[in-house]
Amino acid sequence: MKFETQSPGDEAYGELNERLLQFNTEHAPWQRETFTIVAKDDGGRTGGGVRGVVNMGLIEIRGLWVDEDLRGTGLGRQLMDRLEQEARDRGAGRAALDTYDWQARKFYERLGYVLFGTLPYPDGANRFYMVKEL
């Protein structure tokens, strides 16, 4: 075997990930459903959104974003509420997410998420892993 480094290597990773997904599907009730909820104003401007992946009864929350001028208006909470309801409708009973020091840990705690793990990075940053029963 020869080794090569590809940067960013998206095509190679896509091929390998397909193999991994096939393997996972053969060994677990693996049925990933991905969706994104977007908040737009009357003019069609996107002010925020959140992505979720439901699999094996759990939703993995990925990439919540609210534009700075809309923070503190309740939009983040509304996006999370809609995401959680969509997850329940798709069979999820638990939600999981991760956030960094400089992001929104306190926001998620106010929504009922509980810390279950912390990953300290060598440069001093921390990544927090959180969960909530739906």
N, C-alpha and C. Protein backbone atom coordinates (compact mmCIF):
# COMPACT_ATOMS: atom_id res chain seq x y z
N MET A 1 0.83 -1.19 0.00
CA MET A 1 0.00 0.00 0.00
C MET A 1 0.87 1.25 0.00
N LYS A 2 0.44 2.26 -0.75
CA LYS A 2 1.08 3.57 -0.73
C LYS A 2 0.13 4.52 0.00
N PHE A 3 0.67 5.49 0.69
CA PHE A 3 -0.13 6.45 1.42
C PHE A 3 0.02 7.83 0.79
N GLU A 4 -1.07 8.57 0.77
CA GLU A 4 -1.01 9.94 0.30
C GLU A 4 -1.94 10.79 1.17
N THR A 5 -1.56 12.02 1.34
CA THR A 5 -2.38 12.98 2.07
C THR A 5 -3.10 13.85 1.06
N GLN A 6 -4.42 13.93 1.18
CA GLN A 6 -5.22 14.77 0.32
C GLN A 6 -5.82 15.88 1.17
N SER A 7 -5.75 17.09 0.67
CA SER A 7 -6.28 18.21 1.44
C SER A 7 -7.18 19.06 0.57
N PRO A 8 -8.47 19.10 0.82
CA PRO A 8 -9.12 18.56 1.99
C PRO A 8 -9.52 17.10 1.85
N GLY A 9 -9.47 16.52 0.68
CA GLY A 9 -9.77 15.10 0.53
C GLY A 9 -11.25 14.76 0.53
N ASP A 10 -12.10 15.68 0.10
CA ASP A 10 -13.54 15.47 0.16
C ASP A 10 -14.00 14.27 -0.66
N GLU A 11 -13.47 14.12 -1.86
CA GLU A 11 -13.89 13.01 -2.71
C GLU A 11 -13.50 11.67 -2.09
N ALA A 12 -12.28 11.57 -1.61
CA ALA A 12 -11.82 10.33 -0.96
C ALA A 12 -12.65 10.04 0.28
N TYR A 13 -12.89 11.08 1.08
CA TYR A 13 -13.68 10.87 2.30
C TYR A 13 -15.10 10.44 1.95
N GLY A 14 -15.68 11.03 0.91
CA GLY A 14 -17.03 10.65 0.50
C GLY A 14 -17.11 9.17 0.16
N GLU A 15 -16.12 8.67 -0.55
CA GLU A 15 -16.08 7.26 -0.91
C GLU A 15 -15.94 6.38 0.33
N LEU A 16 -15.04 6.75 1.21
CA LEU A 16 -14.85 5.97 2.44
C LEU A 16 -16.07 6.03 3.35
N ASN A 17 -16.69 7.21 3.42
CA ASN A 17 -17.87 7.36 4.26
C ASN A 17 -19.03 6.50 3.77
N GLU A 18 -19.18 6.36 2.46
CA GLU A 18 -20.21 5.48 1.90
C GLU A 18 -19.99 4.04 2.39
N ARG A 19 -18.77 3.60 2.41
CA ARG A 19 -18.46 2.25 2.90
C ARG A 19 -18.79 2.12 4.38
N LEU A 20 -18.44 3.15 5.15
CA LEU A 20 -18.73 3.13 6.58
C LEU A 20 -20.23 3.11 6.83
N LEU A 21 -20.99 3.90 6.08
CA LEU A 21 -22.44 3.91 6.25
C LEU A 21 -23.05 2.56 5.92
N GLN A 22 -22.55 1.92 4.87
CA GLN A 22 -23.04 0.59 4.51
C GLN A 22 -22.75 -0.40 5.65
N PHE A 23 -21.54 -0.34 6.20
CA PHE A 23 -21.16 -1.21 7.31
C PHE A 23 -22.09 -0.95 8.51
N ASN A 24 -22.29 0.32 8.85
CA ASN A 24 -23.16 0.66 9.98
C ASN A 24 -24.58 0.16 9.76
N THR A 25 -25.10 0.30 8.56
CA THR A 25 -26.46 -0.13 8.24
C THR A 25 -26.61 -1.64 8.42
N GLU A 26 -25.56 -2.38 8.15
CA GLU A 26 -25.60 -3.83 8.31
C GLU A 26 -25.57 -4.26 9.77
N HIS A 27 -25.14 -3.39 10.68
CA HIS A 27 -24.94 -3.77 12.07
C HIS A 27 -25.81 -3.04 13.08
N ALA A 28 -26.60 -2.07 12.64
CA ALA A 28 -27.44 -1.30 13.56
C ALA A 28 -28.64 -0.77 12.79
N PRO A 29 -29.68 -0.35 13.51
CA PRO A 29 -30.84 0.24 12.83
C PRO A 29 -30.51 1.65 12.33
N TRP A 30 -29.60 1.73 11.39
CA TRP A 30 -29.00 2.98 10.91
C TRP A 30 -29.89 3.59 9.83
N GLN A 31 -30.62 4.63 10.17
CA GLN A 31 -31.48 5.31 9.20
C GLN A 31 -31.36 6.81 9.41
N ARG A 32 -30.35 7.39 8.84
CA ARG A 32 -30.09 8.82 9.01
C ARG A 32 -31.10 9.66 8.21
N GLU A 33 -31.70 10.62 8.90
CA GLU A 33 -32.58 11.59 8.25
C GLU A 33 -32.04 12.97 8.60
N THR A 34 -31.62 13.71 7.60
CA THR A 34 -31.04 15.03 7.81
C THR A 34 -32.03 16.10 7.37
N PHE A 35 -32.15 17.15 8.16
CA PHE A 35 -33.02 18.27 7.78
C PHE A 35 -32.44 19.57 8.34
N THR A 36 -32.86 20.68 7.74
CA THR A 36 -32.43 22.01 8.16
C THR A 36 -33.66 22.89 8.29
N ILE A 37 -33.74 23.63 9.37
CA ILE A 37 -34.81 24.60 9.58
C ILE A 37 -34.19 25.99 9.42
N VAL A 38 -34.80 26.80 8.57
CA VAL A 38 -34.29 28.13 8.27
C VAL A 38 -35.34 29.16 8.65
N ALA A 39 -34.90 30.27 9.25
CA ALA A 39 -35.79 31.39 9.59
C ALA A 39 -35.50 32.53 8.63
N LYS A 40 -36.55 32.96 7.91
CA LYS A 40 -36.41 34.05 6.94
C LYS A 40 -37.39 35.17 7.28
N ASP A 41 -36.96 36.41 7.04
CA ASP A 41 -37.87 37.53 7.28
C ASP A 41 -38.78 37.70 6.06
N ASP A 42 -39.70 38.68 6.13
CA ASP A 42 -40.67 38.88 5.07
C ASP A 42 -40.02 39.19 3.72
N GLY A 43 -38.81 39.72 3.75
CA GLY A 43 -38.09 40.02 2.52
C GLY A 43 -37.30 38.84 1.98
N GLY A 44 -37.32 37.72 2.68
CA GLY A 44 -36.61 36.52 2.23
C GLY A 44 -35.19 36.39 2.77
N ARG A 45 -34.77 37.35 3.63
CA ARG A 45 -33.43 37.29 4.20
C ARG A 45 -33.37 36.19 5.27
N THR A 46 -32.36 35.35 5.19
CA THR A 46 -32.15 34.31 6.19
C THR A 46 -31.48 34.93 7.41
N GLY A 47 -32.13 34.79 8.57
CA GLY A 47 -31.58 35.34 9.80
C GLY A 47 -31.03 34.29 10.74
N GLY A 48 -31.32 33.04 10.42
CA GLY A 48 -30.83 31.97 11.28
C GLY A 48 -31.29 30.62 10.78
N GLY A 49 -30.76 29.59 11.41
CA GLY A 49 -31.14 28.25 11.04
C GLY A 49 -30.42 27.22 11.89
N VAL A 50 -30.87 26.00 11.76
CA VAL A 50 -30.27 24.90 12.52
C VAL A 50 -30.43 23.61 11.71
N ARG A 51 -29.45 22.74 11.82
CA ARG A 51 -29.45 21.46 11.10
C ARG A 51 -29.51 20.32 12.12
N GLY A 52 -30.20 19.27 11.74
CA GLY A 52 -30.30 18.11 12.60
C GLY A 52 -30.19 16.83 11.81
N VAL A 53 -29.65 15.82 12.47
CA VAL A 53 -29.56 14.48 11.87
C VAL A 53 -30.16 13.50 12.86
N VAL A 54 -31.26 12.87 12.47
CA VAL A 54 -31.92 11.87 13.31
C VAL A 54 -31.41 10.50 12.92
N ASN A 55 -31.01 9.73 13.94
CA ASN A 55 -30.51 8.38 13.70
C ASN A 55 -30.65 7.58 14.98
N MET A 56 -31.22 6.41 14.88
CA MET A 56 -31.35 5.47 16.00
C MET A 56 -32.00 6.12 17.22
N GLY A 57 -33.01 6.95 16.99
CA GLY A 57 -33.76 7.54 18.09
C GLY A 57 -33.14 8.77 18.72
N LEU A 58 -32.09 9.29 18.12
CA LEU A 58 -31.39 10.46 18.66
C LEU A 58 -31.23 11.50 17.56
N ILE A 59 -31.40 12.76 17.92
CA ILE A 59 -31.08 13.81 16.97
C ILE A 59 -29.77 14.45 17.36
N GLU A 60 -28.86 14.52 16.39
CA GLU A 60 -27.60 15.24 16.57
C GLU A 60 -27.82 16.64 16.01
N ILE A 61 -27.68 17.63 16.86
CA ILE A 61 -27.90 19.02 16.44
C ILE A 61 -26.58 19.57 15.94
N ARG A 62 -26.64 20.11 14.74
CA ARG A 62 -25.43 20.62 14.11
C ARG A 62 -25.68 22.03 13.59
N GLY A 63 -24.82 22.92 13.96
CA GLY A 63 -24.79 24.22 13.33
C GLY A 63 -25.95 25.16 13.55
N LEU A 64 -26.33 25.43 14.79
CA LEU A 64 -27.31 26.49 15.06
C LEU A 64 -26.64 27.84 14.82
N TRP A 65 -27.30 28.69 14.04
CA TRP A 65 -26.80 30.03 13.79
C TRP A 65 -27.95 31.03 13.85
N VAL A 66 -27.71 32.15 14.55
CA VAL A 66 -28.62 33.30 14.57
C VAL A 66 -27.77 34.53 14.31
N ASP A 67 -28.18 35.34 13.31
CA ASP A 67 -27.44 36.57 13.03
C ASP A 67 -27.37 37.44 14.28
N GLU A 68 -26.27 38.15 14.40
CA GLU A 68 -26.00 38.93 15.61
C GLU A 68 -27.11 39.91 15.93
N ASP A 69 -27.67 40.57 14.92
CA ASP A 69 -28.72 41.56 15.18
C ASP A 69 -30.03 40.93 15.63
N LEU A 70 -30.16 39.62 15.54
CA LEU A 70 -31.38 38.92 15.96
C LEU A 70 -31.21 38.14 17.26
N ARG A 71 -30.01 38.13 17.80
CA ARG A 71 -29.78 37.44 19.07
C ARG A 71 -30.50 38.17 20.19
N GLY A 72 -31.06 37.40 21.11
CA GLY A 72 -31.80 37.99 22.22
C GLY A 72 -33.27 38.24 21.89
N THR A 73 -33.69 37.88 20.69
CA THR A 73 -35.09 38.09 20.28
C THR A 73 -35.95 36.86 20.48
N GLY A 74 -35.34 35.74 20.86
CA GLY A 74 -36.07 34.48 20.99
C GLY A 74 -35.99 33.60 19.76
N LEU A 75 -35.32 34.08 18.72
CA LEU A 75 -35.22 33.30 17.48
C LEU A 75 -34.48 31.98 17.69
N GLY A 76 -33.40 32.01 18.45
CA GLY A 76 -32.66 30.78 18.72
C GLY A 76 -33.51 29.74 19.42
N ARG A 77 -34.26 30.18 20.41
CA ARG A 77 -35.17 29.27 21.13
C ARG A 77 -36.23 28.72 20.18
N GLN A 78 -36.78 29.57 19.33
CA GLN A 78 -37.81 29.12 18.38
C GLN A 78 -37.24 28.09 17.41
N LEU A 79 -36.03 28.34 16.92
CA LEU A 79 -35.40 27.37 16.03
C LEU A 79 -35.20 26.03 16.73
N MET A 80 -34.71 26.09 17.96
CA MET A 80 -34.49 24.84 18.71
C MET A 80 -35.80 24.13 19.00
N ASP A 81 -36.85 24.87 19.36
CA ASP A 81 -38.16 24.26 19.61
C ASP A 81 -38.67 23.54 18.36
N ARG A 82 -38.55 24.20 17.22
CA ARG A 82 -39.00 23.59 15.97
C ARG A 82 -38.17 22.36 15.61
N LEU A 83 -36.87 22.47 15.82
CA LEU A 83 -35.99 21.33 15.54
C LEU A 83 -36.34 20.15 16.44
N GLU A 84 -36.53 20.41 17.72
CA GLU A 84 -36.87 19.32 18.65
C GLU A 84 -38.21 18.68 18.29
N GLN A 85 -39.20 19.50 17.89
CA GLN A 85 -40.50 18.94 17.51
C GLN A 85 -40.37 18.10 16.25
N GLU A 86 -39.62 18.59 15.28
CA GLU A 86 -39.39 17.81 14.05
C GLU A 86 -38.68 16.50 14.38
N ALA A 87 -37.74 16.56 15.30
CA ALA A 87 -37.02 15.35 15.72
C ALA A 87 -37.98 14.35 16.36
N ARG A 88 -38.84 14.84 17.25
CA ARG A 88 -39.83 13.95 17.88
C ARG A 88 -40.74 13.33 16.81
N ASP A 89 -41.18 14.17 15.84
CA ASP A 89 -42.04 13.66 14.77
C ASP A 89 -41.34 12.58 13.96
N ARG A 90 -40.01 12.62 13.93
CA ARG A 90 -39.23 11.62 13.18
C ARG A 90 -38.76 10.48 14.08
N GLY A 91 -39.27 10.42 15.32
CA GLY A 91 -39.00 9.29 16.19
C GLY A 91 -37.87 9.45 17.18
N ALA A 92 -37.30 10.65 17.29
CA ALA A 92 -36.20 10.86 18.24
C ALA A 92 -36.74 11.09 19.65
N GLY A 93 -36.09 10.49 20.62
CA GLY A 93 -36.44 10.67 22.02
C GLY A 93 -35.36 11.37 22.82
N ARG A 94 -34.26 11.67 22.16
CA ARG A 94 -33.11 12.31 22.83
C ARG A 94 -32.42 13.21 21.81
N ALA A 95 -31.82 14.29 22.33
CA ALA A 95 -31.06 15.22 21.48
C ALA A 95 -29.65 15.35 22.03
N ALA A 96 -28.69 15.53 21.14
CA ALA A 96 -27.30 15.72 21.55
C ALA A 96 -26.68 16.82 20.70
N LEU A 97 -25.74 17.55 21.30
CA LEU A 97 -25.04 18.61 20.58
C LEU A 97 -23.69 18.84 21.24
N ASP A 98 -22.87 19.63 20.56
CA ASP A 98 -21.63 20.07 21.18
C ASP A 98 -21.46 21.55 20.92
N THR A 99 -20.74 22.22 21.82
CA THR A 99 -20.51 23.64 21.74
C THR A 99 -19.16 23.96 22.37
N TYR A 100 -18.58 25.07 21.99
CA TYR A 100 -17.27 25.47 22.50
C TYR A 100 -17.40 26.57 23.56
N ASP A 101 -16.29 26.85 24.23
CA ASP A 101 -16.23 27.91 25.25
C ASP A 101 -16.90 29.20 24.79
N TRP A 102 -16.59 29.62 23.59
CA TRP A 102 -17.02 30.93 23.10
C TRP A 102 -18.39 30.90 22.43
N GLN A 103 -19.06 29.77 22.48
CA GLN A 103 -20.36 29.65 21.82
C GLN A 103 -21.50 29.75 22.85
N ALA A 104 -22.40 28.81 22.86
CA ALA A 104 -23.69 29.02 23.52
C ALA A 104 -24.03 28.00 24.62
N ARG A 105 -23.07 27.58 25.40
CA ARG A 105 -23.35 26.57 26.43
C ARG A 105 -24.49 27.00 27.35
N LYS A 106 -24.45 28.23 27.85
CA LYS A 106 -25.49 28.68 28.79
C LYS A 106 -26.86 28.72 28.13
N PHE A 107 -26.90 29.10 26.87
CA PHE A 107 -28.16 29.08 26.11
C PHE A 107 -28.75 27.67 26.10
N TYR A 108 -27.93 26.69 25.77
CA TYR A 108 -28.41 25.31 25.72
C TYR A 108 -28.82 24.80 27.10
N GLU A 109 -28.11 25.19 28.13
CA GLU A 109 -28.49 24.80 29.50
C GLU A 109 -29.86 25.37 29.85
N ARG A 110 -30.14 26.61 29.42
CA ARG A 110 -31.47 27.20 29.68
C ARG A 110 -32.57 26.42 28.96
N LEU A 111 -32.21 25.75 27.87
CA LEU A 111 -33.18 24.94 27.13
C LEU A 111 -33.30 23.52 27.67
N GLY A 112 -32.55 23.21 28.74
CA GLY A 112 -32.66 21.89 29.36
C GLY A 112 -31.57 20.90 28.99
N TYR A 113 -30.57 21.34 28.25
CA TYR A 113 -29.47 20.44 27.89
C TYR A 113 -28.51 20.31 29.08
N VAL A 114 -28.00 19.10 29.24
CA VAL A 114 -27.14 18.78 30.38
C VAL A 114 -25.77 18.34 29.85
N LEU A 115 -24.75 18.85 30.47
CA LEU A 115 -23.38 18.50 30.10
C LEU A 115 -23.09 17.05 30.48
N PHE A 116 -22.52 16.28 29.53
CA PHE A 116 -22.11 14.92 29.87
C PHE A 116 -20.64 14.67 29.59
N GLY A 117 -19.97 15.65 28.97
CA GLY A 117 -18.55 15.47 28.73
C GLY A 117 -17.90 16.76 28.26
N THR A 118 -16.63 16.88 28.60
CA THR A 118 -15.83 18.03 28.19
C THR A 118 -14.55 17.53 27.56
N LEU A 119 -14.22 18.08 26.41
CA LEU A 119 -12.98 17.74 25.73
C LEU A 119 -12.08 18.98 25.74
N PRO A 120 -11.01 18.95 26.54
CA PRO A 120 -10.08 20.08 26.54
C PRO A 120 -9.10 19.98 25.37
N TYR A 121 -8.99 21.07 24.64
CA TYR A 121 -8.04 21.12 23.53
C TYR A 121 -6.67 21.56 24.05
N PRO A 122 -5.59 21.14 23.40
CA PRO A 122 -4.26 21.52 23.86
C PRO A 122 -4.02 23.03 23.90
N ASP A 123 -4.75 23.80 23.08
CA ASP A 123 -4.54 25.25 23.08
C ASP A 123 -5.32 25.97 24.17
N GLY A 124 -6.06 25.22 24.99
CA GLY A 124 -6.79 25.82 26.11
C GLY A 124 -8.29 25.92 25.91
N ALA A 125 -8.79 25.72 24.70
CA ALA A 125 -10.23 25.76 24.45
C ALA A 125 -10.88 24.48 24.99
N ASN A 126 -12.18 24.54 25.22
CA ASN A 126 -12.95 23.38 25.66
C ASN A 126 -14.14 23.18 24.74
N ARG A 127 -14.45 21.92 24.49
CA ARG A 127 -15.63 21.54 23.72
C ARG A 127 -16.54 20.79 24.69
N PHE A 128 -17.80 21.21 24.75
CA PHE A 128 -18.75 20.65 25.69
C PHE A 128 -19.79 19.80 24.94
N TYR A 129 -20.02 18.61 25.45
CA TYR A 129 -20.99 17.69 24.87
C TYR A 129 -22.21 17.65 25.79
N MET A 130 -23.39 17.85 25.17
CA MET A 130 -24.60 18.02 25.96
C MET A 130 -25.71 17.13 25.41
N VAL A 131 -26.67 16.82 26.28
CA VAL A 131 -27.77 15.92 25.92
C VAL A 131 -29.06 16.41 26.58
N LYS A 132 -30.17 16.06 25.96
CA LYS A 132 -31.51 16.39 26.51
C LYS A 132 -32.48 15.30 26.10
N GLU A 133 -33.30 14.90 27.05
CA GLU A 133 -34.37 13.96 26.74
C GLU A 133 -35.52 14.75 26.12
N LEU A 134 -36.05 14.24 25.02
CA LEU A 134 -37.16 14.92 24.36
C LEU A 134 -38.48 14.35 24.82
